[in-house]
PDB file of N, CA and C in Angstrom:
ATOM      1  N   UNK A   1     -53.491 -74.012 -72.484  1.00  0.00           N
ATOM      2  CA  UNK A   1     -53.112 -74.255 -71.173  1.00  0.00           C
ATOM      3  C   UNK A   1     -53.133 -72.763 -70.590  1.00  0.00           C
ATOM      4  N   UNK A   2     -53.831 -72.753 -69.422  1.00  0.00           N
ATOM      5  CA  UNK A   2     -53.827 -71.439 -68.852  1.00  0.00           C
ATOM      6  C   UNK A   2     -53.518 -71.619 -67.326  1.00  0.00           C
ATOM      7  N   UNK A   3     -52.845 -72.562 -66.850  1.00  0.00           N
ATOM      8  CA  UNK A   3     -52.577 -72.810 -65.485  1.00  0.00           C
ATOM      9  C   UNK A   3     -51.622 -74.123 -65.225  1.00  0.00           C
ATOM     10  N   UNK A   4     -51.275 -74.460 -64.003  1.00  0.00           N
ATOM     11  CA  UNK A   4     -50.602 -75.543 -63.667  1.00  0.00           C
ATOM     12  C   UNK A   4     -51.510 -76.838 -63.519  1.00  0.00           C
ATOM     13  N   UNK A   5     -51.240 -77.781 -64.305  1.00  0.00           N
ATOM     14  CA  UNK A   5     -52.282 -78.834 -64.366  1.00  0.00           C
ATOM     15  C   UNK A   5     -52.012 -79.838 -63.255  1.00  0.00           C
ATOM     16  N   UNK A   6     -50.848 -79.874 -62.631  1.00  0.00           N
ATOM     17  CA  UNK A   6     -50.440 -80.663 -61.468  1.00  0.00           C
ATOM     18  C   UNK A   6     -51.021 -80.365 -60.084  1.00  0.00           C
ATOM     19  N   UNK A   7     -51.616 -81.403 -59.369  1.00  0.00           N
ATOM     20  CA  UNK A   7     -52.118 -81.170 -58.024  1.00  0.00           C
ATOM     21  C   UNK A   7     -51.342 -81.761 -57.048  1.00  0.00           C
ATOM     22  N   UNK A   8     -51.359 -81.439 -55.852  1.00  0.00           N
ATOM     23  CA  UNK A   8     -50.477 -82.191 -54.924  1.00  0.00           C
ATOM     24  C   UNK A   8     -50.646 -83.575 -54.550  1.00  0.00           C
ATOM     25  N   UNK A   9     -51.938 -83.948 -54.274  1.00  0.00           N
ATOM     26  CA  UNK A   9     -52.430 -85.375 -54.032  1.00  0.00           C
ATOM     27  C   UNK A   9     -53.547 -85.770 -54.903  1.00  0.00           C
ATOM     28  N   UNK A  10     -53.240 -86.371 -56.233  1.00  0.00           N
ATOM     29  CA  UNK A  10     -54.250 -86.801 -57.211  1.00  0.00           C
ATOM     30  C   UNK A  10     -54.939 -87.800 -56.449  1.00  0.00           C
ATOM     31  N   UNK A  11     -56.307 -87.919 -56.902  1.00  0.00           N
ATOM     32  CA  UNK A  11     -57.111 -88.940 -56.471  1.00  0.00           C
ATOM     33  C   UNK A  11     -57.877 -89.525 -57.829  1.00  0.00           C
ATOM     34  N   UNK A  12     -58.729 -90.592 -57.772  1.00  0.00           N
ATOM     35  CA  UNK A  12     -59.470 -90.961 -58.977  1.00  0.00           C
ATOM     36  C   UNK A  12     -60.523 -89.902 -59.389  1.00  0.00           C
ATOM     37  N   UNK A  13     -60.904 -89.191 -58.338  1.00  0.00           N
ATOM     38  CA  UNK A  13     -62.040 -88.230 -58.666  1.00  0.00           C
ATOM     39  C   UNK A  13     -61.507 -86.943 -59.453  1.00  0.00           C
ATOM     40  N   UNK A  14     -60.049 -86.614 -58.973  1.00  0.00           N
ATOM     41  CA  UNK A  14     -59.336 -85.485 -59.634  1.00  0.00           C
ATOM     42  C   UNK A  14     -57.910 -85.905 -59.802  1.00  0.00           C
ATOM     43  N   UNK A  15     -57.538 -86.325 -60.945  1.00  0.00           N
ATOM     44  CA  UNK A  15     -56.231 -86.682 -61.231  1.00  0.00           C
ATOM     45  C   UNK A  15     -55.262 -85.469 -61.567  1.00  0.00           C
ATOM     46  N   UNK A  16     -55.849 -84.677 -62.325  1.00  0.00           N
ATOM     47  CA  UNK A  16     -55.179 -83.346 -62.514  1.00  0.00           C
ATOM     48  C   UNK A  16     -56.103 -82.162 -62.443  1.00  0.00           C
ATOM     49  N   UNK A  17     -55.559 -81.074 -62.653  1.00  0.00           N
ATOM     50  CA  UNK A  17     -56.383 -79.890 -62.444  1.00  0.00           C
ATOM     51  C   UNK A  17     -57.089 -79.572 -63.928  1.00  0.00           C
ATOM     52  N   UNK A  18     -58.332 -79.688 -63.787  1.00  0.00           N
ATOM     53  CA  UNK A  18     -59.022 -79.370 -65.252  1.00  0.00           C
ATOM     54  C   UNK A  18     -59.183 -77.894 -65.389  1.00  0.00           C
ATOM     55  N   UNK A  19     -59.050 -77.196 -64.436  1.00  0.00           N
ATOM     56  CA  UNK A  19     -59.098 -75.593 -64.636  1.00  0.00           C
ATOM     57  C   UNK A  19     -58.056 -75.027 -65.417  1.00  0.00           C
ATOM     58  N   UNK A  20     -56.863 -75.893 -65.565  1.00  0.00           N
ATOM     59  CA  UNK A  20     -55.615 -75.323 -66.074  1.00  0.00           C
ATOM     60  C   UNK A  20     -55.759 -75.485 -67.690  1.00  0.00           C
ATOM     61  N   UNK A  21     -56.926 -75.929 -68.163  1.00  0.00           N
ATOM     62  CA  UNK A  21     -57.125 -76.184 -69.708  1.00  0.00           C
ATOM     63  C   UNK A  21     -58.368 -75.459 -70.124  1.00  0.00           C
ATOM     64  N   UNK A  22     -58.452 -74.794 -71.402  1.00  0.00           N
ATOM     65  CA  UNK A  22     -59.525 -74.400 -72.013  1.00  0.00           C
ATOM     66  C   UNK A  22     -59.400 -74.877 -73.450  1.00  0.00           C
ATOM     67  N   UNK A  23     -60.637 -74.683 -74.081  1.00  0.00           N
ATOM     68  CA  UNK A  23     -60.737 -75.215 -75.478  1.00  0.00           C
ATOM     69  C   UNK A  23     -60.117 -74.091 -76.369  1.00  0.00           C
ATOM     70  N   UNK A  24     -59.390 -74.563 -77.311  1.00  0.00           N
ATOM     71  CA  UNK A  24     -58.864 -73.543 -78.176  1.00  0.00           C
ATOM     72  C   UNK A  24     -60.103 -72.738 -79.027  1.00  0.00           C
ATOM     73  N   UNK A  25     -59.860 -71.672 -79.419  1.00  0.00           N
ATOM     74  CA  UNK A  25     -60.749 -70.791 -80.232  1.00  0.00           C
ATOM     75  C   UNK A  25     -60.632 -71.240 -81.673  1.00  0.00           C
ATOM     76  N   UNK A  26     -61.809 -71.108 -82.308  1.00  0.00           N
ATOM     77  CA  UNK A  26     -61.792 -71.336 -83.836  1.00  0.00           C
ATOM     78  C   UNK A  26     -61.587 -70.097 -84.417  1.00  0.00           C
ATOM     79  N   UNK A  27     -60.635 -69.970 -85.369  1.00  0.00           N
ATOM     80  CA  UNK A  27     -60.371 -68.749 -86.018  1.00  0.00           C
ATOM     81  C   UNK A  27     -60.524 -68.991 -87.609  1.00  0.00           C
ATOM     82  N   UNK A  28     -61.502 -68.278 -88.147  1.00  0.00           N
ATOM     83  CA  UNK A  28     -61.687 -68.302 -89.468  1.00  0.00           C
ATOM     84  C   UNK A  28     -62.097 -69.848 -89.899  1.00  0.00           C
ATOM     85  N   UNK A  29     -62.772 -70.492 -89.098  1.00  0.00           N
ATOM     86  CA  UNK A  29     -63.242 -71.856 -89.423  1.00  0.00           C
ATOM     87  C   UNK A  29     -62.026 -72.821 -89.336  1.00  0.00           C
ATOM     88  N   UNK A  30     -60.842 -72.605 -88.898  1.00  0.00           N
ATOM     89  CA  UNK A  30     -59.794 -73.608 -88.491  1.00  0.00           C
ATOM     90  C   UNK A  30     -59.468 -73.531 -87.122  1.00  0.00           C
ATOM     91  N   UNK A  31     -59.347 -74.668 -86.457  1.00  0.00           N
ATOM     92  CA  UNK A  31     -58.812 -74.826 -85.104  1.00  0.00           C
ATOM     93  C   UNK A  31     -57.416 -74.519 -84.888  1.00  0.00           C
ATOM     94  N   UNK A  32     -57.049 -73.674 -83.883  1.00  0.00           N
ATOM     95  CA  UNK A  32     -55.825 -73.307 -83.652  1.00  0.00           C
ATOM     96  C   UNK A  32     -54.921 -74.080 -82.627  1.00  0.00           C
ATOM     97  N   UNK A  33     -53.748 -74.297 -82.748  1.00  0.00           N
ATOM     98  CA  UNK A  33     -53.085 -75.207 -81.792  1.00  0.00           C
ATOM     99  C   UNK A  33     -52.790 -74.518 -80.482  1.00  0.00           C
ATOM    100  N   UNK A  34     -52.758 -75.203 -79.304  1.00  0.00           N
ATOM    101  CA  UNK A  34     -52.804 -74.777 -78.009  1.00  0.00           C
ATOM    102  C   UNK A  34     -51.282 -74.616 -77.625  1.00  0.00           C
ATOM    103  N   UNK A  35     -51.002 -74.092 -76.282  1.00  0.00           N
ATOM    104  CA  UNK A  35     -49.903 -73.867 -75.861  1.00  0.00           C
ATOM    105  C   UNK A  35     -49.195 -74.956 -75.034  1.00  0.00           C
ATOM    106  N   UNK A  36     -49.992 -76.009 -74.697  1.00  0.00           N
ATOM    107  CA  UNK A  36     -49.627 -77.219 -73.907  1.00  0.00           C
ATOM    108  C   UNK A  36     -48.465 -77.950 -74.722  1.00  0.00           C
ATOM    109  N   UNK A  37     -47.505 -78.230 -74.099  1.00  0.00           N
ATOM    110  CA  UNK A  37     -46.387 -79.157 -74.829  1.00  0.00           C
ATOM    111  C   UNK A  37     -46.841 -80.655 -74.700  1.00  0.00           C
ATOM    112  N   UNK A  38     -46.112 -81.603 -75.173  1.00  0.00           N
ATOM    113  CA  UNK A  38     -46.503 -82.998 -75.078  1.00  0.00           C
ATOM    114  C   UNK A  38     -46.003 -83.674 -73.848  1.00  0.00           C
ATOM    115  N   UNK A  39     -46.836 -84.537 -73.506  1.00  0.00           N
ATOM    116  CA  UNK A  39     -46.481 -85.420 -72.293  1.00  0.00           C
ATOM    117  C   UNK A  39     -46.365 -84.639 -70.967  1.00  0.00           C
ATOM    118  N   UNK A  40     -47.151 -83.669 -70.610  1.00  0.00           N
ATOM    119  CA  UNK A  40     -47.160 -82.845 -69.648  1.00  0.00           C
ATOM    120  C   UNK A  40     -47.831 -83.484 -68.300  1.00  0.00           C
ATOM    121  N   UNK A  41     -48.544 -84.488 -68.718  1.00  0.00           N
ATOM    122  CA  UNK A  41     -49.401 -85.365 -67.505  1.00  0.00           C
ATOM    123  C   UNK A  41     -48.953 -86.685 -67.514  1.00  0.00           C
ATOM    124  N   UNK A  42     -49.000 -87.248 -66.312  1.00  0.00           N
ATOM    125  CA  UNK A  42     -48.661 -88.704 -66.119  1.00  0.00           C
ATOM    126  C   UNK A  42     -49.948 -89.398 -65.522  1.00  0.00           C
ATOM    127  N   UNK A  43     -50.125 -90.535 -66.308  1.00  0.00           N
ATOM    128  CA  UNK A  43     -51.273 -91.599 -65.787  1.00  0.00           C
ATOM    129  C   UNK A  43     -50.853 -92.292 -64.733  1.00  0.00           C
ATOM    130  N   UNK A  44     -51.718 -92.882 -63.943  1.00  0.00           N
ATOM    131  CA  UNK A  44     -51.252 -93.716 -62.896  1.00  0.00           C
ATOM    132  C   UNK A  44     -50.698 -95.065 -63.587  1.00  0.00           C
ATOM    133  N   UNK A  45     -49.770 -95.482 -62.624  1.00  0.00           N
ATOM    134  CA  UNK A  45     -48.951 -96.594 -63.104  1.00  0.00           C
ATOM    135  C   UNK A  45     -49.771 -97.918 -63.131  1.00  0.00           C
ATOM    136  N   UNK A  46     -49.256 -99.074 -63.852  1.00  0.00           N
ATOM    137  CA  UNK A  46     -49.852-100.284 -63.779  1.00  0.00           C
ATOM    138  C   UNK A  46     -48.974-101.344 -63.105  1.00  0.00           C
ATOM    139  N   UNK A  47     -49.716-101.908 -62.075  1.00  0.00           N
ATOM    140  CA  UNK A  47     -48.860-103.064 -61.349  1.00  0.00           C
ATOM    141  C   UNK A  47     -49.824-104.230 -61.327  1.00  0.00           C
ATOM    142  N   UNK A  48     -49.176-105.436 -61.586  1.00  0.00           N
ATOM    143  CA  UNK A  48     -49.823-106.559 -61.522  1.00  0.00           C
ATOM    144  C   UNK A  48     -48.888-107.679 -61.234  1.00  0.00           C
ATOM    145  N   UNK A  49     -49.263-108.673 -60.762  1.00  0.00           N
ATOM    146  CA  UNK A  49     -48.349-109.909 -60.374  1.00  0.00           C
ATOM    147  C   UNK A  49     -49.160-111.133 -60.636  1.00  0.00           C
ATOM    148  N   UNK A  50     -48.699-111.911 -61.680  1.00  0.00           N
ATOM    149  CA  UNK A  50     -49.481-113.108 -61.898  1.00  0.00           C
ATOM    150  C   UNK A  50     -48.665-114.223 -61.463  1.00  0.00           C
ATOM    151  N   UNK A  51     -49.249-115.168 -60.704  1.00  0.00           N
ATOM    152  CA  UNK A  51     -48.562-116.434 -60.303  1.00  0.00           C
ATOM    153  C   UNK A  51     -49.152-117.788 -60.830  1.00  0.00           C
ATOM    154  N   UNK A  52     -48.166-118.790 -61.014  1.00  0.00           N
ATOM    155  CA  UNK A  52     -48.758-120.186 -61.236  1.00  0.00           C
ATOM    156  C   UNK A  52     -47.855-121.019 -60.561  1.00  0.00           C
ATOM    157  N   UNK A  53     -48.450-122.023 -59.979  1.00  0.00           N
ATOM    158  CA  UNK A  53     -47.807-123.226 -59.248  1.00  0.00           C
ATOM    159  C   UNK A  53     -48.300-124.382 -59.749  1.00  0.00           C
ATOM    160  N   UNK A  54     -47.530-125.467 -59.979  1.00  0.00           N
ATOM    161  CA  UNK A  54     -47.988-126.688 -60.275  1.00  0.00           C
ATOM    162  C   UNK A  54     -47.211-127.832 -59.575  1.00  0.00           C
ATOM    163  N   UNK A  55     -47.815-128.991 -59.491  1.00  0.00           N
ATOM    164  CA  UNK A  55     -47.145-130.110 -58.800  1.00  0.00           C
ATOM    165  C   UNK A  55     -47.606-131.286 -59.445  1.00  0.00           C
ATOM    166  N   UNK A  56     -46.555-132.194 -59.692  1.00  0.00           N
ATOM    167  CA  UNK A  56     -46.954-133.611 -60.456  1.00  0.00           C
ATOM    168  C   UNK A  56     -46.870-134.580 -59.318  1.00  0.00           C
ATOM    169  N   UNK A  57     -47.902-135.497 -59.391  1.00  0.00           N
ATOM    170  CA  UNK A  57     -47.887-136.612 -58.398  1.00  0.00           C
ATOM    171  C   UNK A  57     -47.925-138.011 -59.274  1.00  0.00           C
ATOM    172  N   UNK A  58     -46.905-138.730 -58.991  1.00  0.00           N
ATOM    173  CA  UNK A  58     -46.995-140.018 -59.755  1.00  0.00           C
ATOM    174  C   UNK A  58     -47.862-141.056 -58.881  1.00  0.00           C
ATOM    175  N   UNK A  59     -49.046-141.420 -59.519  1.00  0.00           N
ATOM    176  CA  UNK A  59     -49.877-142.230 -58.911  1.00  0.00           C
ATOM    177  C   UNK A  59     -49.559-143.880 -58.975  1.00  0.00           C
ATOM    178  N   UNK A  60     -48.897-144.208 -60.110  1.00  0.00           N
ATOM    179  CA  UNK A  60     -48.361-145.523 -60.377  1.00  0.00           C
ATOM    180  C   UNK A  60     -47.313-145.211 -61.633  1.00  0.00           C
ATOM    181  N   UNK A  61     -47.029-146.414 -62.201  1.00  0.00           N
ATOM    182  CA  UNK A  61     -46.066-146.261 -63.234  1.00  0.00           C
ATOM    183  C   UNK A  61     -46.644-145.695 -64.372  1.00  0.00           C
ATOM    184  N   UNK A  62     -47.998-145.869 -64.547  1.00  0.00           N
ATOM    185  CA  UNK A  62     -48.674-145.469 -65.738  1.00  0.00           C
ATOM    186  C   UNK A  62     -49.518-144.161 -65.507  1.00  0.00           C
ATOM    187  N   UNK A  63     -49.979-143.826 -64.342  1.00  0.00           N
ATOM    188  CA  UNK A  63     -50.866-142.700 -64.059  1.00  0.00           C
ATOM    189  C   UNK A  63     -49.958-141.551 -63.432  1.00  0.00           C
ATOM    190  N   UNK A  64     -50.245-140.542 -63.901  1.00  0.00           N
ATOM    191  CA  UNK A  64     -49.719-139.046 -63.167  1.00  0.00           C
ATOM    192  C   UNK A  64     -50.835-138.146 -63.022  1.00  0.00           C
ATOM    193  N   UNK A  65     -50.772-137.505 -61.776  1.00  0.00           N
ATOM    194  CA  UNK A  65     -51.800-136.365 -61.621  1.00  0.00           C
ATOM    195  C   UNK A  65     -51.048-134.985 -61.462  1.00  0.00           C
ATOM    196  N   UNK A  66     -51.545-134.007 -62.164  1.00  0.00           N
ATOM    197  CA  UNK A  66     -50.927-132.753 -61.975  1.00  0.00           C
ATOM    198  C   UNK A  66     -51.871-131.771 -61.556  1.00  0.00           C
ATOM    199  N   UNK A  67     -51.422-131.081 -60.372  1.00  0.00           N
ATOM    200  CA  UNK A  67     -52.459-130.007 -59.772  1.00  0.00           C
ATOM    201  C   UNK A  67     -51.700-128.940 -60.198  1.00  0.00           C
ATOM    202  N   UNK A  68     -52.736-127.747 -60.624  1.00  0.00           N
ATOM    203  CA  UNK A  68     -52.108-126.585 -61.051  1.00  0.00           C
ATOM    204  C   UNK A  68     -53.021-125.317 -60.364  1.00  0.00           C
ATOM    205  N   UNK A  69     -52.394-124.367 -59.669  1.00  0.00           N
ATOM    206  CA  UNK A  69     -53.049-123.186 -59.277  1.00  0.00           C
ATOM    207  C   UNK A  69     -52.683-121.959 -60.139  1.00  0.00           C
ATOM    208  N   UNK A  70     -53.411-121.056 -60.436  1.00  0.00           N
ATOM    209  CA  UNK A  70     -53.182-119.828 -61.207  1.00  0.00           C
ATOM    210  C   UNK A  70     -53.705-118.652 -60.438  1.00  0.00           C
ATOM    211  N   UNK A  71     -53.109-117.467 -60.453  1.00  0.00           N
ATOM    212  CA  UNK A  71     -53.734-116.227 -59.881  1.00  0.00           C
ATOM    213  C   UNK A  71     -53.188-115.152 -60.840  1.00  0.00           C
ATOM    214  N   UNK A  72     -54.266-114.462 -61.214  1.00  0.00           N
ATOM    215  CA  UNK A  72     -53.928-113.160 -62.016  1.00  0.00           C
ATOM    216  C   UNK A  72     -54.211-111.990 -60.809  1.00  0.00           C
ATOM    217  N   UNK A  73     -53.358-111.011 -60.928  1.00  0.00           N
ATOM    218  CA  UNK A  73     -53.359-109.835 -60.012  1.00  0.00           C
ATOM    219  C   UNK A  73     -53.535-110.589 -58.580  1.00  0.00           C
ATOM    220  N   UNK A  74     -52.411-111.400 -58.329  1.00  0.00           N
ATOM    221  CA  UNK A  74     -52.313-112.293 -56.958  1.00  0.00           C
ATOM    222  C   UNK A  74     -52.483-111.401 -55.755  1.00  0.00           C
ATOM    223  N   UNK A  75     -51.735-110.301 -55.789  1.00  0.00           N
ATOM    224  CA  UNK A  75     -51.712-109.457 -54.540  1.00  0.00           C
ATOM    225  C   UNK A  75     -52.941-108.417 -54.557  1.00  0.00           C
ATOM    226  N   UNK A  76     -53.812-108.367 -55.454  1.00  0.00           N
ATOM    227  CA  UNK A  76     -55.017-107.602 -55.561  1.00  0.00           C
ATOM    228  C   UNK A  76     -54.596-106.223 -55.549  1.00  0.00           C
ATOM    229  N   UNK A  77     -53.648-105.816 -56.292  1.00  0.00           N
ATOM    230  CA  UNK A  77     -53.172-104.403 -56.302  1.00  0.00           C
ATOM    231  C   UNK A  77     -54.036-103.605 -57.252  1.00  0.00           C
ATOM    232  N   UNK A  78     -54.475-102.294 -56.877  1.00  0.00           N
ATOM    233  CA  UNK A  78     -55.485-101.393 -57.630  1.00  0.00           C
ATOM    234  C   UNK A  78     -54.597-100.816 -58.799  1.00  0.00           C
ATOM    235  N   UNK A  79     -54.923-101.034 -60.023  1.00  0.00           N
ATOM    236  CA  UNK A  79     -54.336-100.201 -60.998  1.00  0.00           C
ATOM    237  C   UNK A  79     -55.462 -99.439 -61.853  1.00  0.00           C
ATOM    238  N   UNK A  80     -55.320 -98.124 -61.500  1.00  0.00           N
ATOM    239  CA  UNK A  80     -56.448 -97.334 -62.077  1.00  0.00           C
ATOM    240  C   UNK A  80     -56.137 -97.118 -63.514  1.00  0.00           C
ATOM    241  N   UNK A  81     -57.281 -96.819 -64.253  1.00  0.00           N
ATOM    242  CA  UNK A  81     -57.441 -96.611 -65.746  1.00  0.00           C
ATOM    243  C   UNK A  81     -56.834 -95.171 -66.069  1.00  0.00           C
ATOM    244  N   UNK A  82     -56.940 -94.769 -67.190  1.00  0.00           N
ATOM    245  CA  UNK A  82     -56.491 -93.438 -67.733  1.00  0.00           C
ATOM    246  C   UNK A  82     -57.631 -92.406 -67.252  1.00  0.00           C
ATOM    247  N   UNK A  83     -57.250 -91.241 -66.944  1.00  0.00           N
ATOM    248  CA  UNK A  83     -58.183 -90.185 -66.844  1.00  0.00           C
ATOM    249  C   UNK A  83     -58.811 -89.604 -68.033  1.00  0.00           C
ATOM    250  N   UNK A  84     -59.930 -89.189 -67.925  1.00  0.00           N
ATOM    251  CA  UNK A  84     -60.641 -88.505 -69.034  1.00  0.00           C
ATOM    252  C   UNK A  84     -59.868 -87.269 -69.626  1.00  0.00           C
ATOM    253  N   UNK A  85     -59.533 -87.122 -70.768  1.00  0.00           N
ATOM    254  CA  UNK A  85     -58.611 -86.153 -71.253  1.00  0.00           C
ATOM    255  C   UNK A  85     -58.956 -85.440 -72.408  1.00  0.00           C
ATOM    256  N   UNK A  86     -60.284 -85.314 -72.773  1.00  0.00           N
ATOM    257  CA  UNK A  86     -60.815 -84.612 -73.839  1.00  0.00           C
ATOM    258  C   UNK A  86     -61.220 -83.214 -73.231  1.00  0.00           C
ATOM    259  N   UNK A  87     -60.837 -82.100 -73.614  1.00  0.00           N
ATOM    260  CA  UNK A  87     -61.139 -80.816 -73.119  1.00  0.00           C
ATOM    261  C   UNK A  87     -62.513 -80.459 -73.497  1.00  0.00           C
ATOM    262  N   UNK A  88     -63.359 -80.179 -72.625  1.00  0.00           N
ATOM    263  CA  UNK A  88     -64.853 -79.920 -72.899  1.00  0.00           C
ATOM    264  C   UNK A  88     -64.997 -78.747 -73.703  1.00  0.00           C
ATOM    265  N   UNK A  89     -65.922 -78.791 -74.826  1.00  0.00           N
ATOM    266  CA  UNK A  89     -66.340 -77.620 -75.580  1.00  0.00           C
ATOM    267  C   UNK A  89     -67.185 -76.654 -74.853  1.00  0.00           C
ATOM    268  N   UNK A  90     -67.924 -77.188 -73.938  1.00  0.00           N
ATOM    269  CA  UNK A  90     -68.745 -76.261 -73.116  1.00  0.00           C
ATOM    270  C   UNK A  90     -68.103 -75.857 -71.876  1.00  0.00           C
ATOM    271  N   UNK A  91     -68.939 -75.378 -70.877  1.00  0.00           N
ATOM    272  CA  UNK A  91     -68.324 -75.016 -69.607  1.00  0.00           C
ATOM    273  C   UNK A  91     -67.829 -75.994 -68.707  1.00  0.00           C
ATOM    274  N   UNK A  92     -68.537 -77.225 -68.863  1.00  0.00           N
ATOM    275  CA  UNK A  92     -68.426 -78.280 -67.758  1.00  0.00           C
ATOM    276  C   UNK A  92     -68.296 -79.630 -68.594  1.00  0.00           C
ATOM    277  N   UNK A  93     -67.448 -80.386 -67.792  1.00  0.00           N
ATOM    278  CA  UNK A  93     -67.483 -81.885 -68.263  1.00  0.00           C
ATOM    279  C   UNK A  93     -67.452 -82.756 -67.069  1.00  0.00           C
ATOM    280  N   UNK A  94     -68.198 -83.849 -66.999  1.00  0.00           N
ATOM    281  CA  UNK A  94     -68.154 -84.759 -65.906  1.00  0.00           C
ATOM    282  C   UNK A  94     -66.914 -85.759 -65.794  1.00  0.00           C
ATOM    283  N   UNK A  95     -66.319 -86.011 -66.895  1.00  0.00           N
ATOM    284  CA  UNK A  95     -65.161 -87.037 -66.873  1.00  0.00           C
ATOM    285  C   UNK A  95     -63.836 -86.418 -67.240  1.00  0.00           C
ATOM    286  N   UNK A  96     -63.770 -85.098 -67.382  1.00  0.00           N
ATOM    287  CA  UNK A  96     -62.405 -84.534 -67.802  1.00  0.00           C
ATOM    288  C   UNK A  96     -61.649 -84.473 -66.453  1.00  0.00           C
ATOM    289  N   UNK A  97     -60.444 -85.240 -66.428  1.00  0.00           N
ATOM    290  CA  UNK A  97     -59.589 -85.269 -65.296  1.00  0.00           C
ATOM    291  C   UNK A  97     -59.882 -86.322 -64.215  1.00  0.00           C
ATOM    292  N   UNK A  98     -61.131 -87.213 -64.585  1.00  0.00           N
ATOM    293  CA  UNK A  98     -61.650 -88.045 -63.641  1.00  0.00           C
ATOM    294  C   UNK A  98     -61.277 -89.615 -64.088  1.00  0.00           C
ATOM    295  N   UNK A  99     -60.798 -90.363 -63.269  1.00  0.00           N
ATOM    296  CA  UNK A  99     -60.604 -91.850 -63.614  1.00  0.00           C
ATOM    297  C   UNK A  99     -61.869 -92.679 -63.371  1.00  0.00           C
ATOM    298  N   UNK A 100     -62.361 -93.275 -64.433  1.00  0.00           N
ATOM    299  CA  UNK A 100     -63.643 -94.046 -64.320  1.00  0.00           C
ATOM    300  C   UNK A 100     -63.412 -95.410 -64.428  1.00  0.00           C
ATOM    301  N   UNK A 101     -62.272 -95.901 -64.422  1.00  0.00           N
ATOM    302  CA  UNK A 101     -62.085 -97.295 -64.518  1.00  0.00           C
ATOM    303  C   UNK A 101     -60.771 -97.968 -63.896  1.00  0.00           C
ATOM    304  N   UNK A 102     -60.703 -99.107 -63.752  1.00  0.00           N
ATOM    305  CA  UNK A 102     -59.592 -99.726 -63.123  1.00  0.00           C
ATOM    306  C   UNK A 102     -59.385-101.151 -63.592  1.00  0.00           C
ATOM    307  N   UNK A 103     -58.294-101.805 -63.252  1.00  0.00           N
ATOM    308  CA  UNK A 103     -57.975-103.107 -63.852  1.00  0.00           C
ATOM    309  C   UNK A 103     -58.713-104.172 -62.982  1.00  0.00           C
ATOM    310  N   UNK A 104     -58.761-105.369 -63.638  1.00  0.00           N
ATOM    311  CA  UNK A 104     -59.641-106.492 -62.885  1.00  0.00           C
ATOM    312  C   UNK A 104     -58.897-106.785 -61.598  1.00  0.00           C
ATOM    313  N   UNK A 105     -59.874-107.227 -60.674  1.00  0.00           N
ATOM    314  CA  UNK A 105     -59.266-107.714 -59.394  1.00  0.00           C
ATOM    315  C   UNK A 105     -58.798-109.193 -59.470  1.00  0.00           C
ATOM    316  N   UNK A 106     -58.419-109.670 -58.395  1.00  0.00           N
ATOM    317  CA  UNK A 106     -57.691-110.932 -58.192  1.00  0.00           C
ATOM    318  C   UNK A 106     -58.624-111.964 -58.787  1.00  0.00           C
ATOM    319  N   UNK A 107     -57.999-113.025 -59.533  1.00  0.00           N
ATOM    320  CA  UNK A 107     -58.882-114.207 -60.025  1.00  0.00           C
ATOM    321  C   UNK A 107     -57.935-115.288 -59.799  1.00  0.00           C
ATOM    322  N   UNK A 108     -58.674-116.353 -59.230  1.00  0.00           N
ATOM    323  CA  UNK A 108     -57.820-117.556 -59.158  1.00  0.00           C
ATOM    324  C   UNK A 108     -58.409-118.809 -59.657  1.00  0.00           C
ATOM    325  N   UNK A 109     -57.726-119.761 -60.296  1.00  0.00           N
ATOM    326  CA  UNK A 109     -58.340-121.068 -60.740  1.00  0.00           C
ATOM    327  C   UNK A 109     -57.505-122.090 -60.345  1.00  0.00           C
ATOM    328  N   UNK A 110     -57.987-123.380 -60.338  1.00  0.00           N
ATOM    329  CA  UNK A 110     -57.395-124.526 -59.875  1.00  0.00           C
ATOM    330  C   UNK A 110     -57.664-125.608 -60.902  1.00  0.00           C
ATOM    331  N   UNK A 111     -56.678-126.460 -61.206  1.00  0.00           N
ATOM    332  CA  UNK A 111     -57.128-127.523 -62.127  1.00  0.00           C
ATOM    333  C   UNK A 111     -56.321-128.828 -61.773  1.00  0.00           C
ATOM    334  N   UNK A 112     -57.031-129.908 -62.163  1.00  0.00           N
ATOM    335  CA  UNK A 112     -56.393-131.205 -62.067  1.00  0.00           C
ATOM    336  C   UNK A 112     -56.172-131.828 -63.546  1.00  0.00           C
ATOM    337  N   UNK A 113     -55.247-132.583 -63.659  1.00  0.00           N
ATOM    338  CA  UNK A 113     -55.102-133.262 -65.083  1.00  0.00           C
ATOM    339  C   UNK A 113     -54.449-134.686 -64.697  1.00  0.00           C
ATOM    340  N   UNK A 114     -55.251-135.811 -65.250  1.00  0.00           N
ATOM    341  CA  UNK A 114     -54.837-137.081 -64.925  1.00  0.00           C
ATOM    342  C   UNK A 114     -54.260-137.442 -66.474  1.00  0.00           C
ATOM    343  N   UNK A 115     -53.061-137.845 -66.418  1.00  0.00           N
ATOM    344  CA  UNK A 115     -52.300-138.383 -67.514  1.00  0.00           C
ATOM    345  C   UNK A 115     -52.029-139.846 -67.459  1.00  0.00           C
ATOM    346  N   UNK A 116     -52.347-140.591 -68.532  1.00  0.00           N
ATOM    347  CA  UNK A 116     -52.130-142.104 -68.513  1.00  0.00           C
ATOM    348  C   UNK A 116     -51.769-142.518 -69.795  1.00  0.00           C
TER     349      UNK A 116
END
C-alpha cells in the first residue's frame, strides 16, 4: 500500500482509490508480504426487504380459497456487489476498485390455492 485507499464519495465506477495499491515485488522467486493491514476497505452494504401476504376465504363448509402475494426486494433497493479486489500485475486493470454487479431487482408473484 502506497497511499490512502479511501475516497470521499465512492461510486460503482470507483469504490476505492486503486492508485493506493501496487503489486508486491518478487524477491528470489518468493512473493513478499505487503504493508496493508486486514479489513482496511468496506464493501457496500446489503439491504433487502422480502414481504408475503396471504388471506383465506371460506367459500363453503368444504371449500377454502387462499390468496398469496410475495415480493422479494419489495422496495427495490439497490444493493451493489463487491468491488474488484485483485491488484493488477501490469500497469492497468479495468475491474480493480470497480463494482460490476448488483443484487436482483424487485420480483412479485401471486398465487391461489383451492382446498377441499
